[in-house]
C-alpha atoms as a PDB file:
ATOM      1  CA  MET A   1     262.969 -27.345 193.953  1.00  0.00           C
ATOM      2  CA  PRO A   2     259.724 -29.326 193.840  1.00  0.00           C
ATOM      3  CA  THR A   3     259.852 -33.100 194.226  1.00  0.00           C
ATOM      4  CA  GLY A   4     259.924 -35.039 190.982  1.00  0.00           C
ATOM      5  CA  PHE A   5     262.833 -33.316 189.283  1.00  0.00           C
ATOM      6  CA  GLY A   6     266.218 -34.928 188.955  1.00  0.00           C
ATOM      7  CA  GLY A   7     269.518 -34.666 187.186  1.00  0.00           C
ATOM      8  CA  SER A   8     270.318 -33.957 183.553  1.00  0.00           C
ATOM      9  CA  LEU A   9     267.403 -31.572 183.105  1.00  0.00           C
ATOM     10  CA  SER A  10     267.553 -28.584 180.753  1.00  0.00           C
ATOM     11  CA  ALA A  11     266.993 -24.953 181.675  1.00  0.00           C
ATOM     12  CA  VAL A  12     266.753 -21.490 180.142  1.00  0.00           C
ATOM     13  CA  VAL A  13     265.972 -17.986 181.466  1.00  0.00           C
ATOM     14  CA  VAL A  14     263.200 -15.830 179.966  1.00  0.00           C
ATOM     15  CA  ASN A  15     262.259 -12.504 181.596  1.00  0.00           C
ATOM     16  CA  LYS A  16     263.916 -13.372 184.923  1.00  0.00           C
ATOM     17  CA  VAL A  17     262.096 -16.707 185.136  1.00  0.00           C
ATOM     18  CA  ILE A  18     264.061 -19.960 184.921  1.00  0.00           C
ATOM     19  CA  TYR A  19     262.232 -22.653 182.947  1.00  0.00           C
ATOM     20  CA  PHE A  20     263.388 -26.254 183.382  1.00  0.00           C
ATOM     21  CA  CYS A  21     262.152 -29.532 181.903  1.00  0.00           C
ATOM     22  CA  GLY A  22     262.928 -33.187 181.534  1.00  0.00           C
ATOM     23  CA  GLY A  23     265.880 -34.941 183.030  1.00  0.00           C
ATOM     24  CA  ILE A  24     266.246 -38.178 184.940  1.00  0.00           C
ATOM     25  CA  PHE A  25     264.291 -38.974 188.089  1.00  0.00           C
ATOM     26  CA  GLN A  26     264.582 -42.352 189.831  1.00  0.00           C
ATOM     27  CA  GLY A  27     266.241 -43.856 186.734  1.00  0.00           C
ATOM     28  CA  ASN A  28     263.567 -42.715 184.269  1.00  0.00           C
ATOM     29  CA  THR A  29     263.473 -39.935 181.707  1.00  0.00           C
ATOM     30  CA  ILE A  30     260.663 -37.536 182.647  1.00  0.00           C
ATOM     31  CA  THR A  31     258.419 -35.012 180.881  1.00  0.00           C
ATOM     32  CA  THR A  32     257.929 -32.771 183.941  1.00  0.00           C
ATOM     33  CA  CYS A  33     258.523 -29.003 183.602  1.00  0.00           C
ATOM     34  CA  GLY A  34     258.689 -26.174 186.097  1.00  0.00           C
ATOM     35  CA  THR A  35     259.670 -22.578 186.696  1.00  0.00           C
ATOM     36  CA  TYR A  36     261.603 -20.630 189.284  1.00  0.00           C
ATOM     37  CA  THR A  37     260.740 -16.940 189.499  1.00  0.00           C
ATOM     38  CA  ILE A  38     263.845 -15.108 190.645  1.00  0.00           C
ATOM     39  CA  ALA A  39     262.087 -12.055 192.110  1.00  0.00           C
ATOM     40  CA  THR A  40     259.746 -14.049 194.340  1.00  0.00           C
ATOM     41  CA  LYS A  41     262.026 -17.067 194.894  1.00  0.00           C
ATOM     42  CA  ALA A  42     259.078 -19.319 194.045  1.00  0.00           C
ATOM     43  CA  PHE A  43     258.928 -22.658 192.226  1.00  0.00           C
ATOM     44  CA  ALA A  44     255.903 -23.737 190.164  1.00  0.00           C
ATOM     45  CA  THR A  45     255.054 -26.789 188.084  1.00  0.00           C
ATOM     46  CA  ILE A  46     253.914 -26.057 184.515  1.00  0.00           C
ATOM     47  CA  ALA A  47     252.640 -28.172 181.611  1.00  0.00           C
ATOM     48  CA  SER A  48     254.788 -31.187 180.815  1.00  0.00           C
ATOM     49  CA  MET A  49     256.618 -31.825 177.549  1.00  0.00           C
ATOM     50  CA  PRO A  50     254.858 -34.244 175.181  1.00  0.00           C
ATOM     51  CA  VAL A  51     257.985 -36.452 175.109  1.00  0.00           C
ATOM     52  CA  GLY A  52     260.518 -36.794 177.906  1.00  0.00           C
ATOM     53  CA  VAL A  53     264.190 -36.055 177.240  1.00  0.00           C
ATOM     54  CA  ASN A  54     267.346 -35.733 179.280  1.00  0.00           C
ATOM     55  CA  HIS A  55     270.648 -34.062 178.364  1.00  0.00           C
ATOM     56  CA  ALA A  56     268.749 -31.843 175.874  1.00  0.00           C
ATOM     57  CA  ALA A  57     269.708 -28.330 174.793  1.00  0.00           C
ATOM     58  CA  PHE A  58     267.385 -25.396 175.484  1.00  0.00           C
ATOM     59  CA  ALA A  59     267.407 -22.103 173.593  1.00  0.00           C
ATOM     60  CA  THR A  60     265.167 -19.045 173.555  1.00  0.00           C
ATOM     61  CA  ASP A  61     264.446 -16.042 171.366  1.00  0.00           C
ATOM     62  CA  GLY A  62     263.147 -14.217 174.454  1.00  0.00           C
ATOM     63  CA  THR A  63     259.580 -15.347 173.818  1.00  0.00           C
ATOM     64  CA  LYS A  64     259.573 -19.035 172.925  1.00  0.00           C
ATOM     65  CA  ILE A  65     261.610 -21.903 174.340  1.00  0.00           C
ATOM     66  CA  TYR A  66     263.130 -24.453 171.978  1.00  0.00           C
ATOM     67  CA  VAL A  67     264.191 -27.954 173.036  1.00  0.00           C
ATOM     68  CA  MET A  68     266.759 -29.690 170.853  1.00  0.00           C
ATOM     69  CA  GLY A  69     268.233 -33.160 170.931  1.00  0.00           C
ATOM     70  CA  GLY A  70     268.598 -35.058 174.135  1.00  0.00           C
ATOM     71  CA  ARG A  71     268.187 -38.665 175.111  1.00  0.00           C
ATOM     72  CA  GLY A  72     265.119 -40.677 175.945  1.00  0.00           C
ATOM     73  CA  GLY A  73     264.397 -44.027 177.513  1.00  0.00           C
ATOM     74  CA  GLY A  74     265.550 -45.518 180.780  1.00  0.00           C
ATOM     75  CA  ASN A  75     268.772 -44.370 182.354  1.00  0.00           C
ATOM     76  CA  VAL A  76     270.045 -46.985 184.736  1.00  0.00           C
ATOM     77  CA  PRO A  77     273.803 -46.762 185.295  1.00  0.00           C
ATOM     78  CA  SER A  78     275.803 -49.885 184.582  1.00  0.00           C
ATOM     79  CA  GLN A  79     279.443 -50.871 184.569  1.00  0.00           C
ATOM     80  CA  GLY A  80     281.142 -51.363 181.271  1.00  0.00           C
END
């Protein structure tokens, strides 16, 4: 996976390509998106989301990808 992706990202499969976006990287919610093409085993970076989210839900109708919900803002773990 390319550098710059972290935990709590969202993913969906469309036509044997895994699309993934957002998540938490180095304590920050990110807008970064990418793909993994199963047949060629290749990662690629694609256009970012306009607003970063983590823990979001992804859905698809086979053509479009829908992002729902999620969290934004900083994500620094704390005790409590």
